[in-house]
N, C-alpha and C. Protein backbone atom coordinates (compact mmCIF):
# COMPACT_ATOMS: atom_id res chain seq x y z
N MET A 1 -74.36 290.17 228.16
CA MET A 1 -75.48 289.31 228.48
C MET A 1 -76.75 290.16 228.48
N ASP A 2 -77.83 289.57 228.05
CA ASP A 2 -79.09 290.27 227.92
C ASP A 2 -79.66 290.64 229.30
N LYS A 3 -80.33 291.78 229.34
CA LYS A 3 -80.91 292.30 230.58
C LYS A 3 -81.90 291.33 231.21
N ILE A 4 -82.65 290.60 230.40
CA ILE A 4 -83.64 289.68 230.94
C ILE A 4 -82.98 288.62 231.83
N VAL A 5 -81.76 288.21 231.50
CA VAL A 5 -81.03 287.24 232.30
C VAL A 5 -80.32 287.94 233.47
N LEU A 6 -79.69 289.05 233.20
CA LEU A 6 -78.97 289.78 234.25
C LEU A 6 -79.88 290.16 235.41
N ASP A 7 -81.09 290.58 235.11
CA ASP A 7 -82.02 291.01 236.16
C ASP A 7 -82.42 289.88 237.10
N LYS A 8 -82.28 288.65 236.66
CA LYS A 8 -82.70 287.50 237.47
C LYS A 8 -81.53 286.60 237.86
N ARG A 9 -80.34 287.09 237.73
CA ARG A 9 -79.15 286.27 237.95
C ARG A 9 -79.09 285.68 239.37
N ASP A 10 -79.45 286.45 240.39
CA ASP A 10 -79.42 285.94 241.76
C ASP A 10 -80.42 284.80 241.95
N LYS A 11 -81.61 284.96 241.40
CA LYS A 11 -82.63 283.91 241.51
C LYS A 11 -82.22 282.67 240.72
N ILE A 12 -81.59 282.88 239.58
CA ILE A 12 -81.09 281.75 238.79
C ILE A 12 -80.02 281.00 239.58
N ALA A 13 -79.15 281.72 240.27
CA ALA A 13 -78.10 281.09 241.08
C ALA A 13 -78.72 280.22 242.17
N ARG A 14 -79.78 280.70 242.80
CA ARG A 14 -80.44 279.90 243.84
C ARG A 14 -81.00 278.60 243.26
N LEU A 15 -81.58 278.68 242.08
CA LEU A 15 -82.10 277.48 241.43
C LEU A 15 -80.97 276.52 241.07
N CYS A 16 -79.86 277.05 240.61
CA CYS A 16 -78.72 276.21 240.27
C CYS A 16 -78.21 275.46 241.49
N LYS A 17 -78.12 276.14 242.61
CA LYS A 17 -77.68 275.48 243.85
C LYS A 17 -78.68 274.40 244.26
N LYS A 18 -79.96 274.69 244.12
CA LYS A 18 -81.02 273.75 244.50
C LYS A 18 -80.90 272.44 243.72
N TYR A 19 -80.52 272.53 242.45
CA TYR A 19 -80.49 271.34 241.59
C TYR A 19 -79.09 270.80 241.33
N GLY A 20 -78.10 271.28 242.05
CA GLY A 20 -76.75 270.74 241.93
C GLY A 20 -76.05 271.09 240.63
N VAL A 21 -76.35 272.26 240.11
CA VAL A 21 -75.72 272.71 238.86
C VAL A 21 -74.31 273.20 239.16
N LYS A 22 -73.37 272.74 238.38
CA LYS A 22 -71.99 273.20 238.50
C LYS A 22 -71.77 274.46 237.67
N ARG A 23 -72.34 274.48 236.47
CA ARG A 23 -72.21 275.64 235.58
C ARG A 23 -73.45 275.72 234.70
N LEU A 24 -73.93 276.95 234.52
CA LEU A 24 -75.07 277.20 233.65
C LEU A 24 -74.71 278.33 232.72
N ASP A 25 -74.78 278.05 231.43
CA ASP A 25 -74.49 279.06 230.41
C ASP A 25 -75.77 279.35 229.63
N VAL A 26 -75.87 280.55 229.14
CA VAL A 26 -76.94 280.90 228.22
C VAL A 26 -76.33 280.89 226.81
N VAL A 27 -77.08 280.37 225.85
CA VAL A 27 -76.63 280.31 224.46
C VAL A 27 -77.78 280.77 223.57
N GLY A 28 -77.52 280.95 222.31
CA GLY A 28 -78.58 281.27 221.38
C GLY A 28 -78.78 282.76 221.16
N ASP A 29 -80.00 283.10 220.74
CA ASP A 29 -80.32 284.47 220.33
C ASP A 29 -79.96 285.52 221.37
N VAL A 30 -80.18 285.21 222.63
CA VAL A 30 -79.94 286.20 223.68
C VAL A 30 -78.47 286.58 223.80
N THR A 31 -77.58 285.73 223.34
CA THR A 31 -76.14 286.03 223.43
C THR A 31 -75.59 286.73 222.20
N VAL A 32 -76.36 286.74 221.14
CA VAL A 32 -75.87 287.38 219.91
C VAL A 32 -76.70 288.60 219.51
N GLY A 33 -77.46 289.12 220.46
CA GLY A 33 -78.20 290.36 220.24
C GLY A 33 -79.47 290.24 219.43
N LEU A 34 -80.03 289.05 219.34
CA LEU A 34 -81.26 288.87 218.57
C LEU A 34 -82.50 288.73 219.44
N SER A 35 -82.35 288.88 220.75
CA SER A 35 -83.49 288.65 221.64
C SER A 35 -84.61 289.65 221.45
N GLY A 36 -84.32 290.81 220.94
CA GLY A 36 -85.35 291.81 220.73
C GLY A 36 -86.06 291.71 219.39
N ARG A 37 -85.75 290.70 218.63
CA ARG A 37 -86.32 290.56 217.28
C ARG A 37 -87.37 289.46 217.21
N GLY A 38 -88.22 289.41 218.21
CA GLY A 38 -89.30 288.43 218.21
C GLY A 38 -88.96 287.12 218.87
N SER A 39 -87.72 286.92 219.25
CA SER A 39 -87.32 285.70 219.94
C SER A 39 -87.84 285.75 221.36
N ARG A 40 -88.58 284.72 221.76
CA ARG A 40 -89.16 284.71 223.09
C ARG A 40 -88.76 283.43 223.83
N ASP A 41 -87.54 282.99 223.62
CA ASP A 41 -87.09 281.81 224.33
C ASP A 41 -85.68 282.03 224.86
N LEU A 42 -85.33 281.21 225.85
CA LEU A 42 -83.98 281.21 226.40
C LEU A 42 -83.45 279.79 226.32
N ASP A 43 -82.24 279.66 225.87
CA ASP A 43 -81.58 278.36 225.79
C ASP A 43 -80.41 278.35 226.75
N PHE A 44 -80.42 277.38 227.65
CA PHE A 44 -79.35 277.23 228.63
C PHE A 44 -78.61 275.93 228.39
N LEU A 45 -77.37 275.89 228.80
CA LEU A 45 -76.54 274.69 228.75
C LEU A 45 -76.03 274.46 230.16
N ALA A 46 -76.33 273.29 230.73
CA ALA A 46 -76.00 273.02 232.13
C ALA A 46 -75.03 271.86 232.27
N SER A 47 -74.17 271.97 233.27
CA SER A 47 -73.40 270.81 233.73
C SER A 47 -73.66 270.70 235.22
N PHE A 48 -73.68 269.47 235.70
CA PHE A 48 -74.05 269.19 237.09
C PHE A 48 -72.86 268.65 237.87
N HIS A 49 -72.86 268.89 239.18
CA HIS A 49 -71.80 268.33 240.03
C HIS A 49 -71.78 266.81 239.91
N ASP A 50 -72.95 266.19 239.88
CA ASP A 50 -73.07 264.76 239.67
C ASP A 50 -73.35 264.54 238.18
N PRO A 51 -72.36 264.12 237.40
CA PRO A 51 -72.55 264.00 235.96
C PRO A 51 -73.63 263.00 235.55
N ASP A 52 -73.99 262.07 236.46
CA ASP A 52 -75.03 261.10 236.14
C ASP A 52 -76.44 261.59 236.48
N ALA A 53 -76.54 262.70 237.17
CA ALA A 53 -77.85 263.21 237.60
C ALA A 53 -78.84 263.38 236.45
N PRO A 54 -78.43 263.93 235.30
CA PRO A 54 -79.40 264.10 234.22
C PRO A 54 -79.93 262.78 233.65
N ASN A 55 -79.26 261.68 233.92
CA ASN A 55 -79.68 260.39 233.39
C ASN A 55 -80.61 259.63 234.32
N ARG A 56 -80.88 260.20 235.48
CA ARG A 56 -81.72 259.52 236.47
C ARG A 56 -83.03 260.29 236.67
N GLY A 57 -84.08 259.55 236.86
CA GLY A 57 -85.33 260.18 237.28
C GLY A 57 -86.30 260.53 236.17
N GLY A 58 -85.95 260.26 234.92
CA GLY A 58 -86.88 260.60 233.84
C GLY A 58 -87.27 262.07 233.90
N TRP A 59 -88.58 262.33 233.95
CA TRP A 59 -89.05 263.72 234.00
C TRP A 59 -88.75 264.37 235.35
N ASN A 60 -88.30 263.60 236.32
CA ASN A 60 -87.89 264.16 237.61
C ASN A 60 -86.41 264.47 237.65
N ALA A 61 -85.72 264.27 236.55
CA ALA A 61 -84.29 264.58 236.49
C ALA A 61 -84.09 266.08 236.71
N PRO A 62 -82.95 266.46 237.27
CA PRO A 62 -82.74 267.86 237.64
C PRO A 62 -82.83 268.85 236.48
N GLN A 63 -82.43 268.46 235.27
CA GLN A 63 -82.50 269.44 234.19
C GLN A 63 -83.95 269.78 233.85
N PHE A 64 -84.86 268.83 234.00
CA PHE A 64 -86.27 269.12 233.72
C PHE A 64 -86.88 269.98 234.83
N LYS A 65 -86.54 269.66 236.07
CA LYS A 65 -87.04 270.48 237.19
C LYS A 65 -86.48 271.90 237.10
N LEU A 66 -85.21 272.01 236.74
CA LEU A 66 -84.60 273.33 236.57
C LEU A 66 -85.30 274.09 235.45
N ALA A 67 -85.58 273.43 234.34
CA ALA A 67 -86.26 274.09 233.22
C ALA A 67 -87.65 274.59 233.64
N VAL A 68 -88.38 273.79 234.40
CA VAL A 68 -89.71 274.20 234.86
C VAL A 68 -89.61 275.41 235.78
N ASP A 69 -88.66 275.37 236.71
CA ASP A 69 -88.49 276.50 237.63
C ASP A 69 -88.02 277.76 236.89
N LEU A 70 -87.18 277.60 235.89
CA LEU A 70 -86.76 278.76 235.09
C LEU A 70 -87.93 279.32 234.29
N GLU A 71 -88.77 278.45 233.76
CA GLU A 71 -89.97 278.93 233.06
C GLU A 71 -90.86 279.72 234.00
N ASP A 72 -91.02 279.22 235.23
CA ASP A 72 -91.82 279.95 236.22
C ASP A 72 -91.18 281.30 236.55
N LEU A 73 -89.87 281.32 236.66
CA LEU A 73 -89.15 282.55 236.97
C LEU A 73 -89.36 283.61 235.89
N PHE A 74 -89.36 283.19 234.65
CA PHE A 74 -89.51 284.12 233.52
C PHE A 74 -90.96 284.17 233.00
N GLU A 75 -91.90 283.71 233.80
CA GLU A 75 -93.30 283.65 233.38
C GLU A 75 -93.78 284.98 232.82
N GLY A 76 -94.41 284.90 231.68
CA GLY A 76 -94.93 286.09 231.04
C GLY A 76 -93.93 286.83 230.17
N GLU A 77 -92.65 286.57 230.39
CA GLU A 77 -91.61 287.25 229.61
C GLU A 77 -91.13 286.41 228.43
N LEU A 78 -91.31 285.09 228.55
CA LEU A 78 -90.78 284.17 227.54
C LEU A 78 -91.83 283.14 227.17
N ASP A 79 -91.67 282.56 226.01
CA ASP A 79 -92.53 281.46 225.59
C ASP A 79 -91.94 280.11 225.98
N ARG A 80 -90.61 280.05 226.08
CA ARG A 80 -89.99 278.74 226.26
C ARG A 80 -88.62 278.89 226.90
N VAL A 81 -88.29 277.92 227.76
CA VAL A 81 -86.96 277.81 228.33
C VAL A 81 -86.47 276.40 228.06
N VAL A 82 -85.27 276.27 227.54
CA VAL A 82 -84.68 274.97 227.25
C VAL A 82 -83.39 274.83 228.05
N VAL A 83 -83.23 273.68 228.71
CA VAL A 83 -81.99 273.38 229.42
C VAL A 83 -81.37 272.15 228.77
N GLY A 84 -80.28 272.36 228.06
CA GLY A 84 -79.52 271.26 227.47
C GLY A 84 -78.42 270.83 228.43
N ILE A 85 -77.86 269.67 228.19
CA ILE A 85 -76.82 269.14 229.06
C ILE A 85 -75.47 269.29 228.38
N GLU A 86 -74.50 269.80 229.14
CA GLU A 86 -73.13 269.94 228.65
C GLU A 86 -72.67 268.60 228.10
N GLY A 87 -72.12 268.60 226.92
CA GLY A 87 -71.63 267.37 226.31
C GLY A 87 -72.60 266.76 225.31
N GLU A 88 -73.87 267.19 225.33
CA GLU A 88 -74.84 266.67 224.37
C GLU A 88 -74.57 267.18 222.96
N TYR A 89 -74.01 268.36 222.88
CA TYR A 89 -73.80 269.00 221.59
C TYR A 89 -72.41 268.69 221.07
N LYS A 90 -72.28 267.53 220.45
CA LYS A 90 -70.97 267.07 219.99
C LYS A 90 -70.80 267.18 218.48
N HIS A 91 -71.87 267.50 217.78
CA HIS A 91 -71.79 267.57 216.32
C HIS A 91 -70.74 268.61 215.93
N PRO A 92 -69.86 268.28 215.00
CA PRO A 92 -68.76 269.18 214.64
C PRO A 92 -69.20 270.56 214.17
N SER A 93 -70.39 270.68 213.62
CA SER A 93 -70.82 272.01 213.16
C SER A 93 -71.50 272.81 214.26
N VAL A 94 -71.99 272.16 215.30
CA VAL A 94 -72.71 272.85 216.37
C VAL A 94 -71.78 273.26 217.50
N LYS A 95 -70.88 272.39 217.89
CA LYS A 95 -70.04 272.65 219.05
C LYS A 95 -69.22 273.94 218.94
N PRO A 96 -68.56 274.22 217.82
CA PRO A 96 -67.79 275.48 217.74
C PRO A 96 -68.68 276.72 217.86
N TRP A 97 -69.88 276.64 217.31
CA TRP A 97 -70.81 277.76 217.40
C TRP A 97 -71.21 278.01 218.85
N ILE A 98 -71.53 276.93 219.58
CA ILE A 98 -71.91 277.07 220.99
C ILE A 98 -70.74 277.63 221.80
N GLU A 99 -69.54 277.12 221.56
CA GLU A 99 -68.38 277.60 222.31
C GLU A 99 -68.14 279.09 222.07
N LYS A 100 -68.47 279.55 220.89
CA LYS A 100 -68.24 280.95 220.54
C LYS A 100 -69.24 281.89 221.21
N ILE A 101 -70.50 281.45 221.36
CA ILE A 101 -71.54 282.37 221.84
C ILE A 101 -71.95 282.17 223.30
N ARG A 102 -71.52 281.10 223.93
CA ARG A 102 -72.00 280.82 225.29
C ARG A 102 -71.52 281.87 226.28
N GLU A 103 -72.38 282.19 227.24
CA GLU A 103 -72.05 283.14 228.29
C GLU A 103 -72.41 282.52 229.63
N VAL A 104 -71.50 282.58 230.57
CA VAL A 104 -71.71 281.99 231.89
C VAL A 104 -72.72 282.81 232.67
N VAL A 105 -73.76 282.14 233.15
CA VAL A 105 -74.76 282.76 234.01
C VAL A 105 -74.45 282.41 235.47
N TYR A 106 -74.01 281.16 235.68
CA TYR A 106 -73.72 280.67 237.04
C TYR A 106 -72.56 279.69 236.96
N ALA A 107 -71.66 279.78 237.91
CA ALA A 107 -70.56 278.81 238.01
C ALA A 107 -70.25 278.59 239.48
N ASP A 108 -70.22 277.32 239.88
CA ASP A 108 -69.90 276.93 241.24
C ASP A 108 -68.65 276.06 241.18
N SER A 109 -67.65 276.43 241.93
CA SER A 109 -66.38 275.69 241.85
C SER A 109 -66.38 274.40 242.57
């Protein structure tokens, strides 16, 4: 896992607890060693204890609040933070790629 994520893992865990995250994985460039090649974004994949939570609240839904707080946490270090929802990536060509590169940042049993 990339140092930029490892250095903030405890703070990320606190945010996950705040928003009811069951599991948060990092995917994308940071997991395949491309983060130092001009990539200035982090892509996360989240699942929530309440599976309906992401569908409620519009822009107040927990994944958006989590994304905003993660952007604040990484302020100045990144251009963008994306939080996708577990299960959204069902396309046959995308899902195997995500499964191969995802790394667990936070998991609550």
